[in-house]
C-alpha atoms as a PDB file:
ATOM      1  CA  MET A   1       7.398  14.290   1.931  1.00  0.00           C
ATOM      2  CA  GLU A   2       9.244  10.962   1.918  1.00  0.00           C
ATOM      3  CA  LYS A   3       6.684   9.235   4.139  1.00  0.00           C
ATOM      4  CA  TYR A   4       3.900  10.349   1.813  1.00  0.00           C
ATOM      5  CA  LEU A   5       5.704   8.992  -1.250  1.00  0.00           C
ATOM      6  CA  GLU A   6       6.298   5.642   0.429  1.00  0.00           C
ATOM      7  CA  HIS A   7       2.680   5.176   1.441  1.00  0.00           C
ATOM      8  CA  THR A   8       1.069   6.508  -1.727  1.00  0.00           C
ATOM      9  CA  LYS A   9       2.700   3.589  -3.555  1.00  0.00           C
ATOM     10  CA  VAL A  10       0.750   1.262  -1.274  1.00  0.00           C
ATOM     11  CA  PHE A  11      -2.550   3.055  -1.856  1.00  0.00           C
ATOM     12  CA  LYS A  12      -1.909   3.164  -5.600  1.00  0.00           C
ATOM     13  CA  ALA A  13      -1.297  -0.594  -5.604  1.00  0.00           C
ATOM     14  CA  LEU A  14      -4.544  -1.118  -3.709  1.00  0.00           C
ATOM     15  CA  GLY A  15      -6.386   1.060  -6.223  1.00  0.00           C
ATOM     16  CA  ASP A  16      -6.887  -1.970  -8.437  1.00  0.00           C
ATOM     17  CA  PRO A  17      -9.771  -4.177  -7.229  1.00  0.00           C
ATOM     18  CA  LYS A  18      -7.985  -7.418  -8.095  1.00  0.00           C
ATOM     19  CA  ARG A  19      -4.889  -6.411  -6.121  1.00  0.00           C
ATOM     20  CA  ALA A  20      -7.093  -5.436  -3.175  1.00  0.00           C
ATOM     21  CA  MET A  21      -8.750  -8.852  -3.420  1.00  0.00           C
ATOM     22  CA  ILE A  22      -5.343 -10.559  -3.492  1.00  0.00           C
ATOM     23  CA  VAL A  23      -4.362  -8.736  -0.294  1.00  0.00           C
ATOM     24  CA  ASP A  24      -7.664  -9.841   1.226  1.00  0.00           C
ATOM     25  CA  MET A  25      -6.899 -13.455   0.270  1.00  0.00           C
ATOM     26  CA  LEU A  26      -3.410 -13.228   1.748  1.00  0.00           C
ATOM     27  CA  SER A  27      -4.832 -11.945   5.036  1.00  0.00           C
ATOM     28  CA  CYS A  28      -5.739 -15.586   5.726  1.00  0.00           C
ATOM     29  CA  GLY A  29      -2.118 -16.698   5.322  1.00  0.00           C
ATOM     30  CA  GLU A  30       0.518 -17.613   2.776  1.00  0.00           C
ATOM     31  CA  LEU A  31      -0.707 -18.781  -0.629  1.00  0.00           C
ATOM     32  CA  CYS A  32       0.932 -20.315  -3.656  1.00  0.00           C
ATOM     33  CA  ALA A  33       0.638 -18.285  -6.854  1.00  0.00           C
ATOM     34  CA  CYS A  34      -1.323 -21.157  -8.381  1.00  0.00           C
ATOM     35  CA  MET A  35      -3.963 -20.849  -5.638  1.00  0.00           C
ATOM     36  CA  ILE A  36      -4.333 -17.125  -6.275  1.00  0.00           C
ATOM     37  CA  LEU A  37      -4.524 -17.759 -10.008  1.00  0.00           C
ATOM     38  CA  GLU A  38      -7.404 -20.202  -9.507  1.00  0.00           C
ATOM     39  CA  LYS A  39      -9.562 -17.420  -8.037  1.00  0.00           C
ATOM     40  CA  PHE A  40      -9.143 -15.009 -10.943  1.00  0.00           C
ATOM     41  CA  GLU A  41      -9.712 -15.170 -14.657  1.00  0.00           C
ATOM     42  CA  MET A  42      -6.312 -13.863 -15.678  1.00  0.00           C
ATOM     43  CA  SER A  43      -3.147 -15.130 -17.274  1.00  0.00           C
ATOM     44  CA  GLN A  44      -0.029 -16.092 -15.353  1.00  0.00           C
ATOM     45  CA  SER A  45       1.726 -13.003 -16.716  1.00  0.00           C
ATOM     46  CA  THR A  46      -1.082 -10.717 -15.500  1.00  0.00           C
ATOM     47  CA  LEU A  47      -0.920 -12.267 -12.038  1.00  0.00           C
ATOM     48  CA  SER A  48       2.863 -11.827 -12.060  1.00  0.00           C
ATOM     49  CA  HIS A  49       2.388  -8.140 -12.871  1.00  0.00           C
ATOM     50  CA  HIS A  50      -0.060  -7.679  -9.987  1.00  0.00           C
ATOM     51  CA  MET A  51       2.212  -9.543  -7.571  1.00  0.00           C
ATOM     52  CA  LYS A  52       5.239  -7.517  -8.679  1.00  0.00           C
ATOM     53  CA  LEU A  53       3.422  -4.267  -7.841  1.00  0.00           C
ATOM     54  CA  LEU A  54       2.256  -5.597  -4.467  1.00  0.00           C
ATOM     55  CA  CYS A  55       5.789  -6.741  -3.634  1.00  0.00           C
ATOM     56  CA  GLU A  56       7.414  -3.499  -4.832  1.00  0.00           C
ATOM     57  CA  CYS A  57       5.177  -1.358  -2.627  1.00  0.00           C
ATOM     58  CA  GLY A  58       6.059  -3.583   0.339  1.00  0.00           C
ATOM     59  CA  LEU A  59       2.649  -5.049   1.160  1.00  0.00           C
ATOM     60  CA  VAL A  60       3.502  -8.565   0.009  1.00  0.00           C
ATOM     61  CA  LYS A  61       6.533 -10.829   0.272  1.00  0.00           C
ATOM     62  CA  GLY A  62       7.268 -13.681  -2.090  1.00  0.00           C
ATOM     63  CA  ARG A  63       9.421 -16.752  -1.593  1.00  0.00           C
ATOM     64  CA  GLU A  64      10.288 -19.347  -4.167  1.00  0.00           C
ATOM     65  CA  GLU A  65      10.018 -23.033  -3.497  1.00  0.00           C
ATOM     66  CA  GLY A  66      10.750 -25.255  -6.456  1.00  0.00           C
ATOM     67  CA  LYS A  67       8.883 -23.936  -9.473  1.00  0.00           C
ATOM     68  CA  TRP A  68       6.264 -22.115  -7.390  1.00  0.00           C
ATOM     69  CA  THR A  69       6.239 -18.776  -5.625  1.00  0.00           C
ATOM     70  CA  TYR A  70       4.455 -18.432  -2.303  1.00  0.00           C
ATOM     71  CA  TYR A  71       3.131 -15.049  -1.230  1.00  0.00           C
ATOM     72  CA  SER A  72       2.279 -13.591   2.158  1.00  0.00           C
ATOM     73  CA  LEU A  73       1.540 -10.189   3.627  1.00  0.00           C
ATOM     74  CA  ASP A  74       4.432  -8.231   5.105  1.00  0.00           C
ATOM     75  CA  ALA A  75       3.110  -7.634   8.631  1.00  0.00           C
ATOM     76  CA  ASP A  76       5.544  -4.783   9.336  1.00  0.00           C
ATOM     77  CA  SER A  77       4.550  -2.913   6.188  1.00  0.00           C
ATOM     78  CA  ILE A  78       0.848  -3.472   6.882  1.00  0.00           C
ATOM     79  CA  SER A  79       1.292  -2.094  10.394  1.00  0.00           C
ATOM     80  CA  LYS A  80       3.137   1.000   9.131  1.00  0.00           C
ATOM     81  CA  THR A  81       0.460   1.617   6.499  1.00  0.00           C
ATOM     82  CA  LYS A  82      -2.325   1.347   9.075  1.00  0.00           C
ATOM     83  CA  GLN A  83      -0.494   3.803  11.335  1.00  0.00           C
ATOM     84  CA  PHE A  84       0.106   6.217   8.455  1.00  0.00           C
ATOM     85  CA  PHE A  85      -3.601   6.151   7.545  1.00  0.00           C
ATOM     86  CA  CYS A  86      -4.562   6.819  11.168  1.00  0.00           C
ATOM     87  CA  ASP A  87      -2.045   9.669  11.332  1.00  0.00           C
ATOM     88  CA  ILE A  88      -3.284  11.466   8.226  1.00  0.00           C
ATOM     89  CA  THR A  89      -6.963  11.118   9.140  1.00  0.00           C
ATOM     90  CA  SER A  90      -6.805  12.332  12.724  1.00  0.00           C
ATOM     91  CA  ASP A  91      -6.473  15.756  14.307  1.00  0.00           C
ATOM     92  CA  LYS A  92      -3.078  16.103  15.925  1.00  0.00           C
ATOM     93  CA  GLU A  93      -0.636  18.723  17.104  1.00  0.00           C
ATOM     94  CA  ASN A  94       1.983  18.026  14.422  1.00  0.00           C
ATOM     95  CA  CYS A  95      -0.420  18.099  11.462  1.00  0.00           C
ATOM     96  CA  ILE A  96       0.978  19.772   8.350  1.00  0.00           C
ATOM     97  CA  CYS A  97      -1.974  22.175   8.455  1.00  0.00           C
ATOM     98  CA  ARG A  98      -0.460  23.669  11.608  1.00  0.00           C
ATOM     99  CA  GLU A  99       2.905  24.459  10.020  1.00  0.00           C
ATOM    100  CA  ASN A 100       3.809  28.117   9.890  1.00  0.00           C
ATOM    101  CA  THR A 101       2.623  29.893   6.807  1.00  0.00           C
ATOM    102  CA  ASN A 102       2.796  33.494   5.702  1.00  0.00           C
ATOM    103  CA  CYS A 103      -0.279  33.307   3.492  1.00  0.00           C
ATOM    104  CA  CYS A 104      -2.797  34.982   5.799  1.00  0.00           C
ATOM    105  CA  LYS A 105      -0.194  37.360   7.213  1.00  0.00           C
ATOM    106  CA  GLU A 106       0.625  38.618   3.720  1.00  0.00           C
ATOM    107  CA  CYS A 107      -3.078  39.072   2.947  1.00  0.00           C
ATOM    108  CA  ASP A 108      -3.602  41.028   6.186  1.00  0.00           C
ATOM    109  CA  GLU A 109      -0.598  43.267   5.452  1.00  0.00           C
ATOM    110  CA  ASN A 110      -1.900  44.126   1.976  1.00  0.00           C
ATOM    111  CA  GLU A 111      -5.260  45.391   3.258  1.00  0.00           C
END
């Protein structure tokens, strides 16, 4: 359950089109907050909110330099998220659908 909770935070963060666009922008490399702000019609506080969510879910890292914050993608987190998505969308031996269940056995016994 823990791995699902961790990754659903990422997908929830990406559920906002502007945050998805920010991640797309950062795929080209580190950007200053002011450069991201130039691309969107939003206030500084709104951008800060979006960046906070992206940082909290682990997709983005921020570093301060002077009065500016520079953002970049967290490659390790991106890699783990890609792997998680591949895992949950592919047929595999250890899929949760293959876990033992008594559901059908109980139905058969009641007939």
